[in-house]
Amino acid sequence: MNNDPIHEIQVIPTDVLATEHPEDDEYESVGDYHRQAAHHFSAAAKHHLKAADADDAGDEQSLIVHAHLAYRHQLNGTQYAEIAAMESDFEPDQVESDEVESDQKVAD
């Protein structure tokens, strides 16, 4: 009987991460930042699982390497998520005021 845990992590192919904009090679959309964040969070999860497996196996060197890589990917994912949030045109105050107006119309 095999008790090894099975981990399924979907890794986003690198060709999906970048969107081509012929008019501007350096342009990155908010969606591109979200895709980059997702890629790094996915990679961090993969390395966390490998670190856990290494810990279970008593492989300290592999544990250290994968824990470090997981942490770096998490930091990169957080950076891209922050950029996506800052570059977004989303206005939380506007959404709240629209909800209040909508609620008032329903009450009338």
Protein backbone atom coordinates (compact mmCIF):
# COMPACT_ATOMS: atom_id res chain seq x y z
CA MET A 1 0.00 0.00 0.00
CA ASN A 2 1.38 3.36 -1.02
CA ASN A 3 0.66 6.19 1.44
CA ASP A 4 2.50 8.86 -0.53
CA PRO A 5 0.36 11.99 -0.86
CA ILE A 6 -0.63 12.95 -4.37
CA HIS A 7 -0.39 16.66 -5.08
CA GLU A 8 -1.83 18.20 -8.18
CA ILE A 9 -0.72 21.73 -8.96
CA GLN A 10 -1.59 23.37 -12.23
CA VAL A 11 1.35 25.37 -13.51
CA ILE A 12 0.50 28.05 -16.03
CA PRO A 13 2.61 27.72 -19.23
CA THR A 14 4.92 30.67 -19.75
CA ASP A 15 3.44 31.41 -23.19
CA VAL A 16 0.09 32.16 -21.50
CA LEU A 17 1.70 34.63 -19.10
CA ALA A 18 2.62 37.29 -21.63
CA THR A 19 0.23 39.08 -23.92
CA GLU A 20 1.69 40.39 -27.16
CA HIS A 21 1.05 44.03 -27.98
CA PRO A 22 2.75 44.82 -31.29
CA GLU A 23 2.44 48.57 -30.79
CA ASP A 24 4.26 48.49 -27.43
CA ASP A 25 6.55 45.61 -26.45
CA GLU A 26 6.77 46.80 -22.83
CA TYR A 27 3.01 47.11 -22.26
CA GLU A 28 1.60 44.89 -19.52
CA SER A 29 -2.10 44.89 -18.78
CA VAL A 30 -3.69 44.44 -15.38
CA GLY A 31 -4.62 40.95 -16.56
CA ASP A 32 -0.95 40.21 -17.26
CA TYR A 33 -0.07 41.20 -13.69
CA HIS A 34 -2.82 38.92 -12.36
CA ARG A 35 -1.50 36.06 -14.51
CA GLN A 36 2.04 36.63 -13.24
CA ALA A 37 0.77 36.70 -9.64
CA ALA A 38 -1.13 33.44 -10.21
CA HIS A 39 1.95 31.84 -11.78
CA HIS A 40 4.14 32.75 -8.79
CA PHE A 41 1.55 31.67 -6.21
CA SER A 42 1.16 28.37 -8.07
CA ALA A 43 4.93 27.86 -8.12
CA ALA A 44 5.10 28.74 -4.41
CA ALA A 45 2.47 26.09 -3.65
CA LYS A 46 4.43 23.53 -5.65
CA HIS A 47 7.62 24.28 -3.72
CA HIS A 48 5.78 24.23 -0.37
CA LEU A 49 4.53 20.74 -1.18
CA LYS A 50 8.03 19.63 -2.15
CA ALA A 51 9.39 21.13 1.07
CA ALA A 52 6.75 19.22 3.04
CA ASP A 53 7.66 15.98 1.25
CA ALA A 54 11.36 16.65 1.94
CA ASP A 55 10.60 17.23 5.61
CA ASP A 56 8.63 13.97 5.76
CA ALA A 57 11.58 12.17 4.16
CA GLY A 58 14.13 13.83 6.47
CA ASP A 59 15.91 15.51 3.55
CA GLU A 60 16.99 18.76 5.22
CA GLN A 61 18.89 20.15 2.22
CA SER A 62 15.91 19.73 -0.12
CA LEU A 63 13.63 21.17 2.55
CA ILE A 64 15.77 24.31 2.82
CA VAL A 65 15.97 24.78 -0.97
CA HIS A 66 12.24 24.32 -1.61
CA ALA A 67 11.20 26.43 1.38
CA HIS A 68 13.41 29.26 0.11
CA LEU A 69 12.06 28.97 -3.45
CA ALA A 70 8.49 28.89 -2.13
CA TYR A 71 9.11 32.06 -0.15
CA ARG A 72 10.66 33.87 -3.13
CA HIS A 73 7.74 32.92 -5.39
CA GLN A 74 5.28 34.07 -2.74
CA LEU A 75 7.03 37.45 -2.54
CA ASN A 76 6.96 37.80 -6.33
CA GLY A 77 3.30 36.80 -6.44
CA THR A 78 2.46 39.40 -3.81
CA GLN A 79 4.35 42.07 -5.78
CA TYR A 80 2.45 41.31 -8.98
CA ALA A 81 -0.87 41.22 -7.10
CA GLU A 82 -0.11 44.63 -5.59
CA ILE A 83 0.80 46.07 -8.99
CA ALA A 84 -2.44 44.68 -10.44
CA ALA A 85 -4.43 46.31 -7.64
CA MET A 86 -2.65 49.65 -8.04
CA GLU A 87 -2.97 49.67 -11.84
CA SER A 88 -6.64 48.73 -11.75
CA ASP A 89 -9.27 51.36 -12.44
CA PHE A 90 -11.40 49.90 -9.64
CA GLU A 91 -12.83 52.52 -7.28
CA PRO A 92 -14.15 50.87 -4.07
CA ASP A 93 -15.88 54.09 -2.97
CA GLN A 94 -17.79 54.24 -6.27
CA VAL A 95 -19.01 50.65 -5.88
CA GLU A 96 -20.23 51.36 -2.35
CA SER A 97 -22.09 54.51 -3.43
CA ASP A 98 -23.66 52.62 -6.37
CA GLU A 99 -24.85 49.92 -3.94
CA VAL A 100 -26.38 52.52 -1.62
CA GLU A 101 -28.21 54.16 -4.54
CA SER A 102 -29.41 50.77 -5.75
CA ASP A 103 -30.65 49.84 -2.26
CA GLN A 104 -32.52 53.17 -2.00
CA LYS A 105 -34.27 52.57 -5.34
CA VAL A 106 -35.38 49.12 -4.21
CA ALA A 107 -36.76 50.57 -0.95
CA ASP A 108 -38.82 53.19 -2.85
